[in-house]
N, C-alpha and C. Protein backbone atom coordinates (compact mmCIF):
# COMPACT_ATOMS: atom_id res chain seq x y z
N MET A 1 -12.16 -18.12 1.76
CA MET A 1 -13.53 -17.67 1.54
C MET A 1 -14.03 -18.26 0.23
N ASN A 2 -15.34 -18.42 0.14
CA ASN A 2 -15.89 -18.92 -1.11
C ASN A 2 -16.55 -17.78 -1.89
N GLN A 3 -16.94 -18.08 -3.12
CA GLN A 3 -17.53 -17.05 -3.97
C GLN A 3 -18.80 -16.46 -3.38
N ASP A 4 -19.60 -17.29 -2.71
CA ASP A 4 -20.84 -16.79 -2.11
C ASP A 4 -20.56 -15.72 -1.06
N SER A 5 -19.48 -15.87 -0.32
CA SER A 5 -19.12 -14.86 0.68
C SER A 5 -18.83 -13.52 0.01
N PHE A 6 -18.13 -13.55 -1.10
CA PHE A 6 -17.84 -12.30 -1.82
C PHE A 6 -19.09 -11.72 -2.46
N ASN A 7 -19.97 -12.58 -2.97
CA ASN A 7 -21.21 -12.10 -3.58
C ASN A 7 -22.09 -11.38 -2.58
N SER A 8 -21.97 -11.71 -1.29
CA SER A 8 -22.80 -11.07 -0.27
C SER A 8 -22.31 -9.67 0.10
N LEU A 9 -21.13 -9.30 -0.37
CA LEU A 9 -20.54 -8.00 -0.05
C LEU A 9 -20.72 -7.06 -1.24
N SER A 10 -21.29 -5.87 -1.00
CA SER A 10 -21.62 -4.94 -2.09
C SER A 10 -20.39 -4.54 -2.90
N LEU A 11 -19.23 -4.51 -2.29
CA LEU A 11 -18.00 -4.14 -3.00
C LEU A 11 -17.72 -5.06 -4.18
N PHE A 12 -18.14 -6.31 -4.08
CA PHE A 12 -17.81 -7.30 -5.10
C PHE A 12 -18.98 -7.68 -6.00
N LYS A 13 -20.13 -7.07 -5.80
CA LYS A 13 -21.30 -7.38 -6.64
C LYS A 13 -20.98 -7.02 -8.09
N GLY A 14 -21.38 -7.89 -8.98
CA GLY A 14 -21.16 -7.64 -10.40
C GLY A 14 -19.90 -8.26 -10.96
N LEU A 15 -19.02 -8.77 -10.08
CA LEU A 15 -17.82 -9.44 -10.58
C LEU A 15 -18.20 -10.80 -11.14
N ASP A 16 -17.56 -11.18 -12.22
CA ASP A 16 -17.86 -12.49 -12.80
C ASP A 16 -17.19 -13.60 -12.00
N SER A 17 -17.58 -14.82 -12.29
CA SER A 17 -17.13 -16.00 -11.55
C SER A 17 -15.60 -16.15 -11.58
N LYS A 18 -15.00 -15.82 -12.69
CA LYS A 18 -13.54 -15.93 -12.82
C LYS A 18 -12.83 -15.04 -11.80
N HIS A 19 -13.27 -13.79 -11.68
CA HIS A 19 -12.63 -12.86 -10.75
C HIS A 19 -12.95 -13.21 -9.29
N LEU A 20 -14.18 -13.65 -9.04
CA LEU A 20 -14.53 -14.07 -7.68
C LEU A 20 -13.70 -15.27 -7.25
N ASP A 21 -13.42 -16.17 -8.17
CA ASP A 21 -12.59 -17.33 -7.87
C ASP A 21 -11.16 -16.91 -7.52
N LEU A 22 -10.64 -15.93 -8.25
CA LEU A 22 -9.29 -15.41 -7.93
C LEU A 22 -9.25 -14.82 -6.53
N LEU A 23 -10.27 -14.06 -6.16
CA LEU A 23 -10.33 -13.47 -4.82
C LEU A 23 -10.45 -14.55 -3.75
N ALA A 24 -11.32 -15.52 -3.99
CA ALA A 24 -11.57 -16.57 -3.00
C ALA A 24 -10.30 -17.32 -2.64
N LYS A 25 -9.39 -17.46 -3.57
CA LYS A 25 -8.14 -18.17 -3.33
C LYS A 25 -7.17 -17.38 -2.46
N ARG A 26 -7.40 -16.07 -2.33
CA ARG A 26 -6.45 -15.22 -1.62
C ARG A 26 -6.92 -14.77 -0.23
N PHE A 27 -8.13 -15.15 0.14
CA PHE A 27 -8.69 -14.76 1.43
C PHE A 27 -9.04 -15.99 2.26
N GLU A 28 -8.98 -15.84 3.57
CA GLU A 28 -9.38 -16.88 4.51
C GLU A 28 -10.53 -16.37 5.37
N SER A 29 -11.44 -17.26 5.71
CA SER A 29 -12.53 -16.91 6.63
C SER A 29 -12.04 -17.04 8.06
N GLU A 30 -12.47 -16.12 8.90
CA GLU A 30 -12.20 -16.19 10.34
C GLU A 30 -13.51 -15.95 11.06
N ILE A 31 -13.70 -16.63 12.17
CA ILE A 31 -14.90 -16.45 12.98
C ILE A 31 -14.47 -15.92 14.34
N PHE A 32 -15.12 -14.85 14.79
CA PHE A 32 -14.81 -14.23 16.07
C PHE A 32 -16.06 -14.27 16.95
N GLY A 33 -15.88 -14.50 18.24
CA GLY A 33 -16.98 -14.57 19.18
C GLY A 33 -17.29 -13.22 19.80
N ASP A 34 -18.43 -13.16 20.44
CA ASP A 34 -18.90 -11.95 21.12
C ASP A 34 -17.85 -11.46 22.12
N GLY A 35 -17.47 -10.19 22.04
CA GLY A 35 -16.50 -9.60 22.95
C GLY A 35 -15.05 -9.81 22.55
N GLU A 36 -14.80 -10.64 21.56
CA GLU A 36 -13.43 -10.91 21.14
C GLU A 36 -12.85 -9.72 20.39
N VAL A 37 -11.59 -9.42 20.64
CA VAL A 37 -10.90 -8.31 19.96
C VAL A 37 -10.35 -8.83 18.64
N ILE A 38 -10.68 -8.13 17.56
CA ILE A 38 -10.22 -8.53 16.23
C ILE A 38 -8.83 -7.97 15.97
N PHE A 39 -8.63 -6.70 16.28
CA PHE A 39 -7.29 -6.12 16.22
C PHE A 39 -7.16 -5.04 17.27
N GLU A 40 -5.95 -4.86 17.72
CA GLU A 40 -5.65 -3.91 18.80
C GLU A 40 -5.25 -2.55 18.23
N GLN A 41 -5.55 -1.54 18.98
CA GLN A 41 -5.12 -0.20 18.65
C GLN A 41 -3.60 -0.17 18.53
N ASP A 42 -3.09 0.52 17.53
CA ASP A 42 -1.65 0.69 17.25
C ASP A 42 -0.96 -0.57 16.76
N ALA A 43 -1.70 -1.66 16.52
CA ALA A 43 -1.08 -2.87 15.97
C ALA A 43 -0.81 -2.65 14.49
N PRO A 44 0.24 -3.29 13.96
CA PRO A 44 0.52 -3.15 12.52
C PRO A 44 -0.67 -3.62 11.69
N ALA A 45 -0.96 -2.92 10.62
CA ALA A 45 -2.05 -3.29 9.71
C ALA A 45 -1.53 -4.32 8.73
N ASP A 46 -1.66 -5.60 9.10
CA ASP A 46 -1.13 -6.66 8.24
C ASP A 46 -2.23 -7.55 7.66
N ARG A 47 -3.50 -7.15 7.81
CA ARG A 47 -4.62 -7.90 7.26
C ARG A 47 -5.70 -6.94 6.78
N LEU A 48 -6.52 -7.46 5.89
CA LEU A 48 -7.68 -6.74 5.39
C LEU A 48 -8.91 -7.55 5.77
N TYR A 49 -9.89 -6.92 6.43
CA TYR A 49 -11.08 -7.62 6.90
C TYR A 49 -12.31 -7.15 6.14
N PHE A 50 -13.16 -8.12 5.79
CA PHE A 50 -14.49 -7.85 5.25
C PHE A 50 -15.48 -8.50 6.20
N LEU A 51 -16.49 -7.77 6.60
CA LEU A 51 -17.48 -8.28 7.54
C LEU A 51 -18.62 -8.94 6.77
N ALA A 52 -18.70 -10.27 6.86
CA ALA A 52 -19.74 -11.03 6.16
C ALA A 52 -21.01 -11.14 6.99
N SER A 53 -20.88 -11.17 8.32
CA SER A 53 -22.06 -11.20 9.19
C SER A 53 -21.67 -10.73 10.59
N GLY A 54 -22.66 -10.28 11.35
CA GLY A 54 -22.41 -9.82 12.72
C GLY A 54 -22.30 -8.32 12.82
N LYS A 55 -21.72 -7.86 13.92
CA LYS A 55 -21.56 -6.43 14.19
C LYS A 55 -20.24 -6.23 14.93
N VAL A 56 -19.51 -5.18 14.56
CA VAL A 56 -18.21 -4.88 15.15
C VAL A 56 -18.19 -3.42 15.60
N ALA A 57 -17.68 -3.18 16.79
CA ALA A 57 -17.51 -1.82 17.31
C ALA A 57 -16.08 -1.37 17.07
N ILE A 58 -15.93 -0.17 16.54
CA ILE A 58 -14.61 0.44 16.37
C ILE A 58 -14.48 1.48 17.48
N ARG A 59 -13.40 1.36 18.25
CA ARG A 59 -13.18 2.25 19.39
C ARG A 59 -11.78 2.82 19.35
N PHE A 60 -11.63 4.01 19.92
CA PHE A 60 -10.33 4.68 19.99
C PHE A 60 -10.01 5.02 21.43
N LYS A 61 -8.80 4.74 21.87
CA LYS A 61 -8.36 5.03 23.24
C LYS A 61 -7.22 6.04 23.18
N PRO A 62 -7.53 7.32 23.45
CA PRO A 62 -6.44 8.30 23.52
C PRO A 62 -5.50 7.93 24.67
N HIS A 63 -4.26 8.28 24.55
CA HIS A 63 -3.29 7.93 25.59
C HIS A 63 -3.58 8.65 26.91
N ASP A 64 -4.37 9.72 26.85
CA ASP A 64 -4.65 10.48 28.07
C ASP A 64 -6.14 10.51 28.43
N GLY A 65 -6.90 9.49 27.97
CA GLY A 65 -8.33 9.54 28.27
C GLY A 65 -9.00 8.19 28.16
N ASP A 66 -10.32 8.24 28.26
CA ASP A 66 -11.15 7.04 28.20
C ASP A 66 -11.36 6.59 26.76
N VAL A 67 -11.82 5.35 26.61
CA VAL A 67 -12.14 4.79 25.29
C VAL A 67 -13.29 5.59 24.69
N ILE A 68 -13.16 5.91 23.39
CA ILE A 68 -14.18 6.67 22.67
C ILE A 68 -14.77 5.76 21.58
N PRO A 69 -16.09 5.53 21.60
CA PRO A 69 -16.70 4.76 20.50
C PRO A 69 -16.61 5.58 19.21
N VAL A 70 -16.17 4.96 18.13
CA VAL A 70 -16.05 5.64 16.84
C VAL A 70 -17.25 5.31 15.97
N THR A 71 -17.53 4.01 15.80
CA THR A 71 -18.67 3.57 15.00
C THR A 71 -18.92 2.09 15.24
N GLU A 72 -20.04 1.61 14.76
CA GLU A 72 -20.32 0.17 14.71
C GLU A 72 -20.57 -0.20 13.27
N ILE A 73 -20.02 -1.32 12.87
CA ILE A 73 -20.19 -1.80 11.51
C ILE A 73 -21.01 -3.08 11.56
N GLU A 74 -22.03 -3.16 10.71
CA GLU A 74 -22.85 -4.36 10.61
C GLU A 74 -22.64 -4.98 9.24
N GLU A 75 -23.08 -6.23 9.09
CA GLU A 75 -22.91 -6.90 7.81
C GLU A 75 -23.52 -6.06 6.70
N GLY A 76 -22.83 -6.02 5.59
CA GLY A 76 -23.29 -5.24 4.45
C GLY A 76 -22.84 -3.80 4.49
N GLU A 77 -22.26 -3.35 5.60
CA GLU A 77 -21.76 -1.98 5.71
C GLU A 77 -20.24 -2.00 5.66
N SER A 78 -19.68 -0.85 5.39
CA SER A 78 -18.23 -0.71 5.48
C SER A 78 -17.93 0.62 6.12
N SER A 79 -16.72 0.74 6.61
CA SER A 79 -16.32 1.97 7.29
C SER A 79 -14.82 2.10 7.26
N VAL A 80 -14.36 3.32 7.16
CA VAL A 80 -12.94 3.60 7.29
C VAL A 80 -12.80 4.47 8.52
N GLY A 81 -11.99 4.05 9.46
CA GLY A 81 -11.84 4.79 10.70
C GLY A 81 -10.42 5.20 10.94
N PRO A 82 -10.17 5.77 12.08
CA PRO A 82 -8.80 6.18 12.41
C PRO A 82 -7.84 5.00 12.35
N LEU A 83 -6.65 5.24 11.86
CA LEU A 83 -5.67 4.17 11.69
C LEU A 83 -5.26 3.54 13.01
N HIS A 84 -5.43 4.25 14.11
CA HIS A 84 -4.99 3.73 15.40
C HIS A 84 -6.12 3.15 16.23
N SER A 85 -7.30 2.94 15.63
CA SER A 85 -8.43 2.39 16.36
C SER A 85 -8.29 0.89 16.54
N GLY A 86 -9.04 0.36 17.48
CA GLY A 86 -9.14 -1.08 17.67
C GLY A 86 -10.56 -1.53 17.36
N ALA A 87 -10.76 -2.82 17.14
CA ALA A 87 -12.08 -3.35 16.84
C ALA A 87 -12.41 -4.46 17.81
N GLN A 88 -13.64 -4.47 18.29
CA GLN A 88 -14.12 -5.51 19.19
C GLN A 88 -15.49 -5.96 18.74
N VAL A 89 -15.72 -7.27 18.79
CA VAL A 89 -16.99 -7.84 18.35
C VAL A 89 -18.08 -7.50 19.35
N THR A 90 -19.22 -6.99 18.85
CA THR A 90 -20.37 -6.76 19.71
C THR A 90 -21.45 -7.82 19.47
N HIS A 91 -21.40 -8.50 18.34
CA HIS A 91 -22.21 -9.67 18.03
C HIS A 91 -21.31 -10.61 17.25
N PRO A 92 -21.45 -11.93 17.41
CA PRO A 92 -20.55 -12.85 16.71
C PRO A 92 -20.46 -12.54 15.23
N VAL A 93 -19.26 -12.64 14.69
CA VAL A 93 -19.03 -12.28 13.29
C VAL A 93 -18.38 -13.41 12.54
N ARG A 94 -18.51 -13.34 11.22
CA ARG A 94 -17.88 -14.28 10.32
C ARG A 94 -17.22 -13.47 9.22
């Protein structure tokens, strides 16, 4: 990721160029298409995602029931959801 990507996220606003450069070296950009699953329910949490653009639906599937929509996240927003939820793109994301 580049510094501009971090500047667009409210969490990182106000950081100086030195710190943004350190972050940029440790993150990679990924692009996901409409309907693509970003992570599966119950999968190990081995990545941290920041939504730079697009919209993502967070859904939960109980073992004994139908899929339950939890929330939708759009660029500039953040959300913490159930640890066992999955995420699926509802609009292309970067």
